């Protein structure tokens, strides 16, 4: 939790969670153990359990899905990814044009 509070206070991350922490105050955010999993043998197994819980509960602030691949993210956010790619391409073209102008 200390890393989350640090990131929120120092504006290292502009994600929804940190925006909300700054909006209402970091002191109101806590990590709560929802269920104990004594049968889990390692972090990988715990991440699988957390991923299932997140999929069921669909939280609005905790957007990190443990063990999600970039391919899965792209499939889930196809339109957003297309927009990011479009913006990247436009910026790249603009930079290339500026470089050519400066060379003349």
C-alpha atoms as a PDB file:
ATOM      1  CA  UNK A   1       0.000   0.000   0.000  1.00  0.00           C
ATOM      2  CA  UNK A   2       2.937   2.312   0.674  1.00  0.00           C
ATOM      3  CA  UNK A   3       3.918   2.216  -3.023  1.00  0.00           C
ATOM      4  CA  UNK A   4       0.364   3.168  -4.039  1.00  0.00           C
ATOM      5  CA  UNK A   5       0.313   6.100  -1.615  1.00  0.00           C
ATOM      6  CA  UNK A   6       3.749   7.235  -2.784  1.00  0.00           C
ATOM      7  CA  UNK A   7       2.698   7.081  -6.442  1.00  0.00           C
ATOM      8  CA  UNK A   8      -0.486   9.010  -5.727  1.00  0.00           C
ATOM      9  CA  UNK A   9       1.243  11.745  -3.717  1.00  0.00           C
ATOM     10  CA  UNK A  10       4.124  12.188  -6.141  1.00  0.00           C
ATOM     11  CA  UNK A  11       2.043  11.998  -9.330  1.00  0.00           C
ATOM     12  CA  UNK A  12       4.125   9.096 -10.707  1.00  0.00           C
ATOM     13  CA  UNK A  13       1.048   7.500 -12.206  1.00  0.00           C
ATOM     14  CA  UNK A  14      -2.099   9.113 -13.576  1.00  0.00           C
ATOM     15  CA  UNK A  15      -4.269   5.993 -13.479  1.00  0.00           C
ATOM     16  CA  UNK A  16      -7.842   6.017 -12.204  1.00  0.00           C
ATOM     17  CA  UNK A  17      -6.849   4.641  -8.798  1.00  0.00           C
ATOM     18  CA  UNK A  18      -4.298   7.387  -8.168  1.00  0.00           C
ATOM     19  CA  UNK A  19      -6.626  10.102  -9.428  1.00  0.00           C
ATOM     20  CA  UNK A  20      -9.284   8.909  -6.983  1.00  0.00           C
ATOM     21  CA  UNK A  21      -6.736   8.657  -4.149  1.00  0.00           C
ATOM     22  CA  UNK A  22      -5.782  12.285  -4.702  1.00  0.00           C
ATOM     23  CA  UNK A  23      -9.402  13.351  -5.059  1.00  0.00           C
ATOM     24  CA  UNK A  24     -10.668  11.947  -1.753  1.00  0.00           C
ATOM     25  CA  UNK A  25      -7.423  11.441   0.155  1.00  0.00           C
ATOM     26  CA  UNK A  26      -4.912   8.599   0.295  1.00  0.00           C
ATOM     27  CA  UNK A  27      -5.692   7.998   3.964  1.00  0.00           C
ATOM     28  CA  UNK A  28      -9.074   6.527   2.948  1.00  0.00           C
ATOM     29  CA  UNK A  29      -7.527   3.705   0.911  1.00  0.00           C
ATOM     30  CA  UNK A  30      -6.563   0.373   2.439  1.00  0.00           C
ATOM     31  CA  UNK A  31      -5.781  -3.133   1.296  1.00  0.00           C
ATOM     32  CA  UNK A  32      -8.325  -5.578   2.656  1.00  0.00           C
ATOM     33  CA  UNK A  33      -7.861  -9.346   2.698  1.00  0.00           C
ATOM     34  CA  UNK A  34     -11.090 -10.667   1.206  1.00  0.00           C
ATOM     35  CA  UNK A  35     -10.302 -14.341   1.488  1.00  0.00           C
ATOM     36  CA  UNK A  36      -7.448 -16.468   2.750  1.00  0.00           C
ATOM     37  CA  UNK A  37      -6.063 -19.094   0.389  1.00  0.00           C
ATOM     38  CA  UNK A  38      -3.923 -21.432   2.493  1.00  0.00           C
ATOM     39  CA  UNK A  39      -3.872 -23.983  -0.348  1.00  0.00           C
ATOM     40  CA  UNK A  40      -1.909 -21.612  -2.614  1.00  0.00           C
ATOM     41  CA  UNK A  41       1.653 -22.782  -2.945  1.00  0.00           C
ATOM     42  CA  UNK A  42       3.162 -19.708  -4.626  1.00  0.00           C
ATOM     43  CA  UNK A  43       2.517 -16.218  -5.999  1.00  0.00           C
ATOM     44  CA  UNK A  44       1.503 -17.599  -9.386  1.00  0.00           C
ATOM     45  CA  UNK A  45      -1.362 -19.523  -7.808  1.00  0.00           C
ATOM     46  CA  UNK A  46      -2.415 -16.441  -5.806  1.00  0.00           C
ATOM     47  CA  UNK A  47      -2.369 -14.343  -8.981  1.00  0.00           C
ATOM     48  CA  UNK A  48      -4.701 -16.862 -10.640  1.00  0.00           C
ATOM     49  CA  UNK A  49      -7.123 -16.543  -7.710  1.00  0.00           C
ATOM     50  CA  UNK A  50      -6.897 -12.730  -7.791  1.00  0.00           C
ATOM     51  CA  UNK A  51      -7.503 -12.694 -11.538  1.00  0.00           C
ATOM     52  CA  UNK A  52     -10.675 -14.770 -11.147  1.00  0.00           C
ATOM     53  CA  UNK A  53     -11.917 -12.492  -8.379  1.00  0.00           C
ATOM     54  CA  UNK A  54     -11.271  -9.360 -10.454  1.00  0.00           C
ATOM     55  CA  UNK A  55     -13.057 -10.899 -13.446  1.00  0.00           C
ATOM     56  CA  UNK A  56     -16.105 -11.621 -11.260  1.00  0.00           C
ATOM     57  CA  UNK A  57     -16.242  -8.297  -9.429  1.00  0.00           C
ATOM     58  CA  UNK A  58     -15.278  -5.978 -12.335  1.00  0.00           C
ATOM     59  CA  UNK A  59     -13.728  -3.228 -10.183  1.00  0.00           C
ATOM     60  CA  UNK A  60     -13.664   0.313 -11.512  1.00  0.00           C
ATOM     61  CA  UNK A  61     -10.299   1.394 -10.046  1.00  0.00           C
ATOM     62  CA  UNK A  62      -8.159  -1.741  -9.867  1.00  0.00           C
ATOM     63  CA  UNK A  63      -7.405  -2.170 -13.548  1.00  0.00           C
ATOM     64  CA  UNK A  64      -4.323  -4.350 -13.129  1.00  0.00           C
ATOM     65  CA  UNK A  65      -5.156  -7.938 -14.057  1.00  0.00           C
ATOM     66  CA  UNK A  66      -2.473 -10.329 -12.779  1.00  0.00           C
ATOM     67  CA  UNK A  67      -0.805 -12.423 -15.488  1.00  0.00           C
ATOM     68  CA  UNK A  68      -2.741 -10.767 -18.317  1.00  0.00           C
ATOM     69  CA  UNK A  69      -0.756 -10.909 -21.532  1.00  0.00           C
ATOM     70  CA  UNK A  70      -0.423  -7.960 -23.882  1.00  0.00           C
ATOM     71  CA  UNK A  71      -2.400  -9.965 -26.456  1.00  0.00           C
ATOM     72  CA  UNK A  72      -5.289 -10.325 -23.988  1.00  0.00           C
ATOM     73  CA  UNK A  73      -5.168  -6.588 -23.218  1.00  0.00           C
ATOM     74  CA  UNK A  74      -5.289  -5.733 -26.921  1.00  0.00           C
ATOM     75  CA  UNK A  75      -8.259  -8.056 -27.462  1.00  0.00           C
ATOM     76  CA  UNK A  76     -10.114  -6.430 -24.546  1.00  0.00           C
ATOM     77  CA  UNK A  77      -9.228  -2.859 -25.596  1.00  0.00           C
ATOM     78  CA  UNK A  78      -9.199  -3.150 -29.376  1.00  0.00           C
ATOM     79  CA  UNK A  79     -10.714   0.272 -30.132  1.00  0.00           C
ATOM     80  CA  UNK A  80      -8.530   2.049 -27.578  1.00  0.00           C
ATOM     81  CA  UNK A  81      -5.436   0.355 -29.023  1.00  0.00           C
ATOM     82  CA  UNK A  82      -6.399   1.482 -32.533  1.00  0.00           C
ATOM     83  CA  UNK A  83      -6.684   5.064 -31.293  1.00  0.00           C
ATOM     84  CA  UNK A  84      -3.300   4.877 -29.538  1.00  0.00           C
ATOM     85  CA  UNK A  85      -1.710   3.494 -32.707  1.00  0.00           C
ATOM     86  CA  UNK A  86      -3.307   6.263 -34.793  1.00  0.00           C
ATOM     87  CA  UNK A  87      -1.996   8.953 -32.433  1.00  0.00           C
ATOM     88  CA  UNK A  88       1.473   7.394 -32.425  1.00  0.00           C
ATOM     89  CA  UNK A  89       1.541   7.276 -36.239  1.00  0.00           C
ATOM     90  CA  UNK A  90       0.406  10.899 -36.560  1.00  0.00           C
ATOM     91  CA  UNK A  91       3.058  12.044 -34.097  1.00  0.00           C
ATOM     92  CA  UNK A  92       5.723  10.053 -35.928  1.00  0.00           C
ATOM     93  CA  UNK A  93       4.748  11.537 -39.310  1.00  0.00           C
ATOM     94  CA  UNK A  94       4.704  15.050 -37.839  1.00  0.00           C
ATOM     95  CA  UNK A  95       8.173  14.557 -36.341  1.00  0.00           C
ATOM     96  CA  UNK A  96       9.531  13.246 -39.651  1.00  0.00           C
ATOM     97  CA  UNK A  97       8.109  16.256 -41.501  1.00  0.00           C
ATOM     98  CA  UNK A  98       9.685  18.613 -38.963  1.00  0.00           C
ATOM     99  CA  UNK A  99      13.047  16.888 -39.393  1.00  0.00           C
ATOM    100  CA  UNK A 100      12.829  17.257 -43.186  1.00  0.00           C
ATOM    101  CA  UNK A 101      11.945  20.961 -42.860  1.00  0.00           C
ATOM    102  CA  UNK A 102      14.908  21.527 -40.555  1.00  0.00           C
ATOM    103  CA  UNK A 103      17.251  19.844 -43.031  1.00  0.00           C
ATOM    104  CA  UNK A 104      16.261  22.228 -45.848  1.00  0.00           C
END
